[in-house]
All heavy atoms as atom14 arrays in JSON, in Angstrom:
{
  "sequence": "QPIKNFLMDSKTVAGIGNIYANEILFYAGIQPTTPI",
  "atom14_mask": [
    [1, 1, 1, 1, 1, 1, 1, 1, 1, 0, 0, 0, 0, 0],
    [1, 1, 1, 1, 1, 1, 1, 0, 0, 0, 0, 0, 0, 0],
    [1, 1, 1, 1, 1, 1, 1, 1, 0, 0, 0, 0, 0, 0],
    [1, 1, 1, 1, 1, 1, 1, 1, 1, 0, 0, 0, 0, 0],
    [1, 1, 1, 1, 1, 1, 1, 1, 0, 0, 0, 0, 0, 0],
    [1, 1, 1, 1, 1, 1, 1, 1, 1, 1, 1, 0, 0, 0],
    [1, 1, 1, 1, 1, 1, 1, 1, 0, 0, 0, 0, 0, 0],
    [1, 1, 1, 1, 1, 1, 1, 1, 0, 0, 0, 0, 0, 0],
    [1, 1, 1, 1, 1, 1, 1, 1, 0, 0, 0, 0, 0, 0],
    [1, 1, 1, 1, 1, 1, 0, 0, 0, 0, 0, 0, 0, 0],
    [1, 1, 1, 1, 1, 1, 1, 1, 1, 0, 0, 0, 0, 0],
    [1, 1, 1, 1, 1, 1, 1, 0, 0, 0, 0, 0, 0, 0],
    [1, 1, 1, 1, 1, 1, 1, 0, 0, 0, 0, 0, 0, 0],
    [1, 1, 1, 1, 1, 0, 0, 0, 0, 0, 0, 0, 0, 0],
    [1, 1, 1, 1, 0, 0, 0, 0, 0, 0, 0, 0, 0, 0],
    [1, 1, 1, 1, 1, 1, 1, 1, 0, 0, 0, 0, 0, 0],
    [1, 1, 1, 1, 0, 0, 0, 0, 0, 0, 0, 0, 0, 0],
    [1, 1, 1, 1, 1, 1, 1, 1, 0, 0, 0, 0, 0, 0],
    [1, 1, 1, 1, 1, 1, 1, 1, 0, 0, 0, 0, 0, 0],
    [1, 1, 1, 1, 1, 1, 1, 1, 1, 1, 1, 1, 0, 0],
    [1, 1, 1, 1, 1, 0, 0, 0, 0, 0, 0, 0, 0, 0],
    [1, 1, 1, 1, 1, 1, 1, 1, 0, 0, 0, 0, 0, 0],
    [1, 1, 1, 1, 1, 1, 1, 1, 1, 0, 0, 0, 0, 0],
    [1, 1, 1, 1, 1, 1, 1, 1, 0, 0, 0, 0, 0, 0],
    [1, 1, 1, 1, 1, 1, 1, 1, 0, 0, 0, 0, 0, 0],
    [1, 1, 1, 1, 1, 1, 1, 1, 1, 1, 1, 0, 0, 0],
    [1, 1, 1, 1, 1, 1, 1, 1, 1, 1, 1, 1, 0, 0],
    [1, 1, 1, 1, 1, 0, 0, 0, 0, 0, 0, 0, 0, 0],
    [1, 1, 1, 1, 0, 0, 0, 0, 0, 0, 0, 0, 0, 0],
    [1, 1, 1, 1, 1, 1, 1, 1, 0, 0, 0, 0, 0, 0],
    [1, 1, 1, 1, 1, 1, 1, 1, 1, 0, 0, 0, 0, 0],
    [1, 1, 1, 1, 1, 1, 1, 0, 0, 0, 0, 0, 0, 0],
    [1, 1, 1, 1, 1, 1, 1, 0, 0, 0, 0, 0, 0, 0],
    [1, 1, 1, 1, 1, 1, 1, 0, 0, 0, 0, 0, 0, 0],
    [1, 1, 1, 1, 1, 1, 1, 0, 0, 0, 0, 0, 0, 0],
    [1, 1, 1, 1, 1, 1, 1, 1, 0, 0, 0, 0, 0, 0]
  ],
  "atom14_positions": [
    [[0.86, -1.13, 0.04], [0.09, -0.06, 0.02], [0.89, 1.27, 0.1], [1.91, 1.3, 0.64], [-0.92, 0.04, 1.27], [-1.91, 1.13, 1.27], [-2.64, 1.24, 2.58], [-2.14, 0.71, 3.61], [-3.92, 1.77, 2.57], [0.0, 0.0, 0.0], [0.0, 0.0, 0.0], [0.0, 0.0, 0.0], [0.0, 0.0, 0.0], [0.0, 0.0, 0.0]],
    [[0.53, 2.3, -0.82], [1.34, 3.54, -0.73], [1.23, 4.14, 0.64], [0.16, 4.14, 1.28], [0.54, 4.45, -1.84], [-0.1, 3.61, -2.66], [-0.53, 2.27, -1.74], [0.0, 0.0, 0.0], [0.0, 0.0, 0.0], [0.0, 0.0, 0.0], [0.0, 0.0, 0.0], [0.0, 0.0, 0.0], [0.0, 0.0, 0.0], [0.0, 0.0, 0.0]],
    [[2.36, 4.73, 1.13], [2.41, 5.26, 2.27], [1.52, 6.29, 2.72], [0.91, 6.55, 3.8], [3.92, 5.8, 2.74], [4.0, 6.22, 4.19], [4.37, 6.81, 1.71], [5.3, 6.59, 4.61], [0.0, 0.0, 0.0], [0.0, 0.0, 0.0], [0.0, 0.0, 0.0], [0.0, 0.0, 0.0], [0.0, 0.0, 0.0], [0.0, 0.0, 0.0]],
    [[1.18, 7.26, 1.64], [0.13, 8.36, 1.95], [-1.17, 7.73, 2.23], [-1.81, 8.17, 3.23], [-0.06, 9.17, 0.59], [-1.0, 10.32, 0.8], [-1.19, 11.12, -0.48], [-2.22, 12.16, -0.21], [-2.37, 13.03, -1.41], [0.0, 0.0, 0.0], [0.0, 0.0, 0.0], [0.0, 0.0, 0.0], [0.0, 0.0, 0.0], [0.0, 0.0, 0.0]],
    [[-1.67, 6.7, 1.54], [-2.87, 6.04, 1.78], [-2.89, 5.41, 3.29], [-3.91, 5.54, 4.06], [-3.2, 5.07, 0.87], [-3.33, 5.58, -0.54], [-2.29, 5.96, -1.1], [-4.57, 5.59, -1.18], [0.0, 0.0, 0.0], [0.0, 0.0, 0.0], [0.0, 0.0, 0.0], [0.0, 0.0, 0.0], [0.0, 0.0, 0.0], [0.0, 0.0, 0.0]],
    [[-1.74, 4.89, 3.55], [-1.57, 4.26, 4.91], [-1.81, 5.33, 5.93], [-2.43, 5.04, 6.95], [-0.13, 3.6, 4.94], [0.2, 2.84, 6.2], [-0.5, 1.72, 6.65], [1.23, 3.37, 7.06], [-0.1, 1.13, 7.66], [1.59, 2.58, 8.35], [0.89, 1.55, 8.6], [0.0, 0.0, 0.0], [0.0, 0.0, 0.0], [0.0, 0.0, 0.0]],
    [[-1.1, 6.32, 5.82], [-1.33, 7.41, 6.89], [-2.66, 8.1, 7.0], [-3.1, 8.6, 8.02], [-0.19, 8.55, 6.71], [1.26, 8.19, 6.83], [2.13, 9.32, 6.41], [1.54, 7.7, 8.24], [0.0, 0.0, 0.0], [0.0, 0.0, 0.0], [0.0, 0.0, 0.0], [0.0, 0.0, 0.0], [0.0, 0.0, 0.0], [0.0, 0.0, 0.0]],
    [[-3.38, 8.01, 5.85], [-4.66, 8.62, 5.91], [-5.83, 7.72, 6.33], [-6.83, 8.06, 6.59], [-5.04, 9.03, 4.47], [-4.33, 10.22, 3.95], [-4.51, 10.67, 2.27], [-6.35, 11.05, 2.37], [0.0, 0.0, 0.0], [0.0, 0.0, 0.0], [0.0, 0.0, 0.0], [0.0, 0.0, 0.0], [0.0, 0.0, 0.0], [0.0, 0.0, 0.0]],
    [[-5.38, 6.43, 6.62], [-6.28, 5.39, 7.16], [-6.5, 5.59, 8.62], [-5.59, 5.49, 9.4], [-5.81, 4.03, 6.87], [-6.81, 2.93, 7.26], [-7.79, 3.21, 7.97], [-6.61, 1.82, 6.86], [0.0, 0.0, 0.0], [0.0, 0.0, 0.0], [0.0, 0.0, 0.0], [0.0, 0.0, 0.0], [0.0, 0.0, 0.0], [0.0, 0.0, 0.0]],
    [[-7.75, 6.02, 9.05], [-7.89, 6.25, 10.45], [-7.63, 5.09, 11.41], [-7.47, 5.25, 12.57], [-9.34, 6.83, 10.67], [-10.33, 5.78, 10.37], [0.0, 0.0, 0.0], [0.0, 0.0, 0.0], [0.0, 0.0, 0.0], [0.0, 0.0, 0.0], [0.0, 0.0, 0.0], [0.0, 0.0, 0.0], [0.0, 0.0, 0.0], [0.0, 0.0, 0.0]],
    [[-7.69, 3.86, 10.83], [-7.47, 2.68, 11.65], [-5.87, 2.46, 11.89], [-5.5, 1.97, 12.79], [-8.04, 1.54, 10.99], [-9.49, 1.49, 10.85], [-9.97, 0.16, 10.18], [-11.45, 0.21, 10.09], [-12.12, -1.0, 9.35], [0.0, 0.0, 0.0], [0.0, 0.0, 0.0], [0.0, 0.0, 0.0], [0.0, 0.0, 0.0], [0.0, 0.0, 0.0]],
    [[-5.13, 3.33, 11.05], [-3.74, 3.23, 11.27], [-3.2, 4.37, 12.36], [-2.55, 4.09, 13.2], [-3.02, 3.44, 9.79], [-3.35, 2.44, 9.03], [-1.37, 3.58, 10.09], [0.0, 0.0, 0.0], [0.0, 0.0, 0.0], [0.0, 0.0, 0.0], [0.0, 0.0, 0.0], [0.0, 0.0, 0.0], [0.0, 0.0, 0.0], [0.0, 0.0, 0.0]],
    [[-3.67, 5.5, 11.99], [-3.42, 6.69, 12.84], [-4.56, 7.69, 12.74], [-5.2, 7.88, 11.76], [-2.12, 7.42, 12.49], [-2.05, 7.77, 10.99], [-1.89, 8.64, 13.39], [0.0, 0.0, 0.0], [0.0, 0.0, 0.0], [0.0, 0.0, 0.0], [0.0, 0.0, 0.0], [0.0, 0.0, 0.0], [0.0, 0.0, 0.0], [0.0, 0.0, 0.0]],
    [[-5.06, 8.22, 13.86], [-6.23, 9.0, 13.9], [-5.88, 10.55, 13.59], [-4.99, 11.03, 14.15], [-6.85, 8.99, 15.34], [0.0, 0.0, 0.0], [0.0, 0.0, 0.0], [0.0, 0.0, 0.0], [0.0, 0.0, 0.0], [0.0, 0.0, 0.0], [0.0, 0.0, 0.0], [0.0, 0.0, 0.0], [0.0, 0.0, 0.0], [0.0, 0.0, 0.0]],
    [[-6.74, 11.03, 12.67], [-6.76, 12.52, 12.47], [-5.96, 13.12, 11.26], [-5.95, 14.19, 11.12], [0.0, 0.0, 0.0], [0.0, 0.0, 0.0], [0.0, 0.0, 0.0], [0.0, 0.0, 0.0], [0.0, 0.0, 0.0], [0.0, 0.0, 0.0], [0.0, 0.0, 0.0], [0.0, 0.0, 0.0], [0.0, 0.0, 0.0], [0.0, 0.0, 0.0]],
    [[-5.18, 12.13, 10.6], [-4.38, 12.73, 9.43], [-5.2, 12.38, 8.16], [-5.56, 11.34, 7.78], [-3.09, 11.97, 9.41], [-2.27, 12.26, 10.57], [-2.29, 12.41, 8.05], [-0.92, 11.5, 10.73], [0.0, 0.0, 0.0], [0.0, 0.0, 0.0], [0.0, 0.0, 0.0], [0.0, 0.0, 0.0], [0.0, 0.0, 0.0], [0.0, 0.0, 0.0]],
    [[-5.48, 13.56, 7.41], [-6.05, 13.58, 6.11], [-5.1, 13.83, 5.0], [-3.78, 13.89, 5.05], [0.0, 0.0, 0.0], [0.0, 0.0, 0.0], [0.0, 0.0, 0.0], [0.0, 0.0, 0.0], [0.0, 0.0, 0.0], [0.0, 0.0, 0.0], [0.0, 0.0, 0.0], [0.0, 0.0, 0.0], [0.0, 0.0, 0.0], [0.0, 0.0, 0.0]],
    [[-5.64, 14.32, 3.9], [-4.82, 14.55, 2.67], [-3.79, 15.63, 2.77], [-2.63, 15.67, 2.49], [-5.79, 14.9, 1.49], [-4.97, 15.18, 0.29], [-4.37, 14.24, -0.39], [-5.16, 16.41, -0.28], [0.0, 0.0, 0.0], [0.0, 0.0, 0.0], [0.0, 0.0, 0.0], [0.0, 0.0, 0.0], [0.0, 0.0, 0.0], [0.0, 0.0, 0.0]],
    [[-4.25, 16.83, 3.43], [-3.33, 17.94, 3.7], [-2.13, 17.6, 4.44], [-0.93, 17.72, 4.01], [-4.06, 19.08, 4.27], [-5.21, 19.62, 3.52], [-3.05, 20.22, 4.73], [-6.19, 20.53, 4.2], [0.0, 0.0, 0.0], [0.0, 0.0, 0.0], [0.0, 0.0, 0.0], [0.0, 0.0, 0.0], [0.0, 0.0, 0.0], [0.0, 0.0, 0.0]],
    [[-2.16, 16.97, 5.65], [-1.17, 16.74, 6.62], [-0.31, 15.51, 6.14], [0.87, 15.46, 6.42], [-1.55, 16.78, 8.01], [-2.03, 18.18, 8.43], [-3.3, 18.51, 8.54], [-1.01, 19.14, 8.52], [-3.82, 19.69, 8.84], [-1.47, 20.44, 8.88], [-2.79, 20.75, 8.97], [-3.06, 21.94, 9.27], [0.0, 0.0, 0.0], [0.0, 0.0, 0.0]],
    [[-0.93, 14.59, 5.4], [-0.16, 13.34, 4.91], [0.83, 13.97, 3.89], [1.97, 13.53, 3.97], [-1.15, 12.37, 4.32], [0.0, 0.0, 0.0], [0.0, 0.0, 0.0], [0.0, 0.0, 0.0], [0.0, 0.0, 0.0], [0.0, 0.0, 0.0], [0.0, 0.0, 0.0], [0.0, 0.0, 0.0], [0.0, 0.0, 0.0], [0.0, 0.0, 0.0]],
    [[0.49, 14.77, 3.11], [1.35, 15.39, 2.07], [2.47, 16.17, 2.79], [3.56, 16.1, 2.32], [0.4, 16.4, 1.22], [-0.3, 15.64, 0.08], [0.04, 14.56, -0.27], [-1.48, 16.31, -0.34], [0.0, 0.0, 0.0], [0.0, 0.0, 0.0], [0.0, 0.0, 0.0], [0.0, 0.0, 0.0], [0.0, 0.0, 0.0], [0.0, 0.0, 0.0]],
    [[2.11, 16.98, 3.73], [3.12, 17.83, 4.47], [4.23, 16.82, 5.2], [5.32, 17.19, 5.1], [2.42, 18.88, 5.48], [1.61, 19.87, 4.91], [2.43, 20.94, 4.21], [3.38, 21.39, 4.83], [2.06, 21.28, 2.94], [0.0, 0.0, 0.0], [0.0, 0.0, 0.0], [0.0, 0.0, 0.0], [0.0, 0.0, 0.0], [0.0, 0.0, 0.0]],
    [[3.59, 15.82, 5.84], [4.52, 15.01, 6.57], [5.48, 14.33, 5.69], [6.67, 14.22, 5.92], [3.6, 14.01, 7.4], [3.0, 14.69, 8.6], [4.6, 12.82, 7.9], [1.81, 13.87, 9.11], [0.0, 0.0, 0.0], [0.0, 0.0, 0.0], [0.0, 0.0, 0.0], [0.0, 0.0, 0.0], [0.0, 0.0, 0.0], [0.0, 0.0, 0.0]],
    [[5.04, 13.89, 4.55], [5.81, 13.01, 3.7], [6.8, 14.09, 3.02], [7.9, 13.64, 2.66], [4.91, 12.36, 2.7], [4.17, 11.11, 3.29], [3.23, 10.64, 2.28], [5.04, 10.13, 3.89], [0.0, 0.0, 0.0], [0.0, 0.0, 0.0], [0.0, 0.0, 0.0], [0.0, 0.0, 0.0], [0.0, 0.0, 0.0], [0.0, 0.0, 0.0]],
    [[6.38, 15.27, 2.74], [7.3, 16.18, 2.1], [8.47, 16.56, 3.04], [9.61, 16.49, 2.64], [6.64, 17.64, 1.78], [7.56, 18.59, 1.24], [7.88, 18.66, -0.07], [7.91, 19.67, 2.23], [8.85, 19.69, -0.58], [8.85, 20.65, 1.64], [9.19, 20.69, 0.33], [0.0, 0.0, 0.0], [0.0, 0.0, 0.0], [0.0, 0.0, 0.0]],
    [[8.28, 16.82, 4.31], [9.22, 17.15, 5.27], [10.23, 15.82, 5.51], [11.36, 15.97, 5.83], [8.67, 17.66, 6.48], [8.3, 19.12, 6.25], [7.0, 19.5, 6.26], [9.27, 20.09, 6.28], [6.63, 20.84, 6.11], [9.02, 21.38, 6.21], [7.71, 21.84, 5.96], [7.32, 23.12, 5.93], [0.0, 0.0, 0.0], [0.0, 0.0, 0.0]],
    [[9.5, 14.63, 5.45], [10.33, 13.47, 5.6], [11.1, 12.99, 4.44], [11.9, 12.06, 4.48], [9.38, 12.25, 6.0], [0.0, 0.0, 0.0], [0.0, 0.0, 0.0], [0.0, 0.0, 0.0], [0.0, 0.0, 0.0], [0.0, 0.0, 0.0], [0.0, 0.0, 0.0], [0.0, 0.0, 0.0], [0.0, 0.0, 0.0], [0.0, 0.0, 0.0]],
    [[10.85, 13.64, 3.22], [11.51, 13.24, 2.03], [11.12, 12.04, 1.39], [11.97, 11.23, 0.77], [0.0, 0.0, 0.0], [0.0, 0.0, 0.0], [0.0, 0.0, 0.0], [0.0, 0.0, 0.0], [0.0, 0.0, 0.0], [0.0, 0.0, 0.0], [0.0, 0.0, 0.0], [0.0, 0.0, 0.0], [0.0, 0.0, 0.0], [0.0, 0.0, 0.0]],
    [[9.83, 11.62, 1.64], [9.28, 10.33, 1.09], [8.28, 10.49, 0.07], [7.35, 11.3, 0.17], [8.77, 9.55, 2.29], [9.85, 9.31, 3.32], [8.31, 8.2, 1.73], [9.15, 8.73, 4.66], [0.0, 0.0, 0.0], [0.0, 0.0, 0.0], [0.0, 0.0, 0.0], [0.0, 0.0, 0.0], [0.0, 0.0, 0.0], [0.0, 0.0, 0.0]],
    [[8.46, 9.85, -1.13], [7.43, 9.76, -2.12], [6.03, 9.25, -1.6], [6.11, 8.15, -0.96], [7.89, 9.1, -3.35], [8.89, 9.69, -4.16], [8.46, 10.79, -5.04], [7.23, 11.0, -5.11], [9.32, 11.55, -5.64], [0.0, 0.0, 0.0], [0.0, 0.0, 0.0], [0.0, 0.0, 0.0], [0.0, 0.0, 0.0], [0.0, 0.0, 0.0]],
    [[4.92, 10.05, -1.82], [3.7, 9.39, -1.37], [3.39, 8.1, -1.75], [2.44, 7.27, -1.1], [2.65, 10.48, -1.8], [3.41, 11.71, -2.04], [4.8, 11.21, -2.47], [0.0, 0.0, 0.0], [0.0, 0.0, 0.0], [0.0, 0.0, 0.0], [0.0, 0.0, 0.0], [0.0, 0.0, 0.0], [0.0, 0.0, 0.0], [0.0, 0.0, 0.0]],
    [[3.83, 7.62, -3.0], [3.48, 6.23, -3.51], [4.36, 5.22, -3.03], [4.3, 4.04, -3.48], [3.57, 6.41, -5.12], [4.89, 6.88, -5.49], [2.5, 7.37, -5.64], [0.0, 0.0, 0.0], [0.0, 0.0, 0.0], [0.0, 0.0, 0.0], [0.0, 0.0, 0.0], [0.0, 0.0, 0.0], [0.0, 0.0, 0.0], [0.0, 0.0, 0.0]],
    [[5.32, 5.47, -2.23], [6.31, 4.48, -1.76], [5.55, 3.39, -0.92], [4.71, 3.56, -0.1], [7.24, 5.08, -0.74], [8.04, 6.07, -1.36], [8.31, 4.06, -0.19], [0.0, 0.0, 0.0], [0.0, 0.0, 0.0], [0.0, 0.0, 0.0], [0.0, 0.0, 0.0], [0.0, 0.0, 0.0], [0.0, 0.0, 0.0], [0.0, 0.0, 0.0]],
    [[5.83, 2.03, -1.4], [5.09, 0.94, -0.71], [5.59, 0.88, 0.76], [6.78, 0.93, 1.01], [5.55, -0.26, -1.5], [6.05, 0.21, -2.8], [6.59, 1.58, -2.48], [0.0, 0.0, 0.0], [0.0, 0.0, 0.0], [0.0, 0.0, 0.0], [0.0, 0.0, 0.0], [0.0, 0.0, 0.0], [0.0, 0.0, 0.0], [0.0, 0.0, 0.0]],
    [[4.58, 0.68, 1.66], [4.87, 0.73, 3.0], [5.75, -0.48, 3.51], [6.6, -0.3, 4.41], [3.56, 0.7, 3.88], [2.68, -0.38, 3.48], [2.94, 2.13, 3.7], [1.48, -0.43, 4.5], [0.0, 0.0, 0.0], [0.0, 0.0, 0.0], [0.0, 0.0, 0.0], [0.0, 0.0, 0.0], [0.0, 0.0, 0.0], [0.0, 0.0, 0.0]]
  ]
}
């Protein structure tokens, strides 16, 4: 599964949606499509 989708899944972590998943991965230097 792409890491962005993983972080946006509320069963994985609560409260992160599209905006902050993008921000987090940008600052971490990780492509959103990277397989978890």
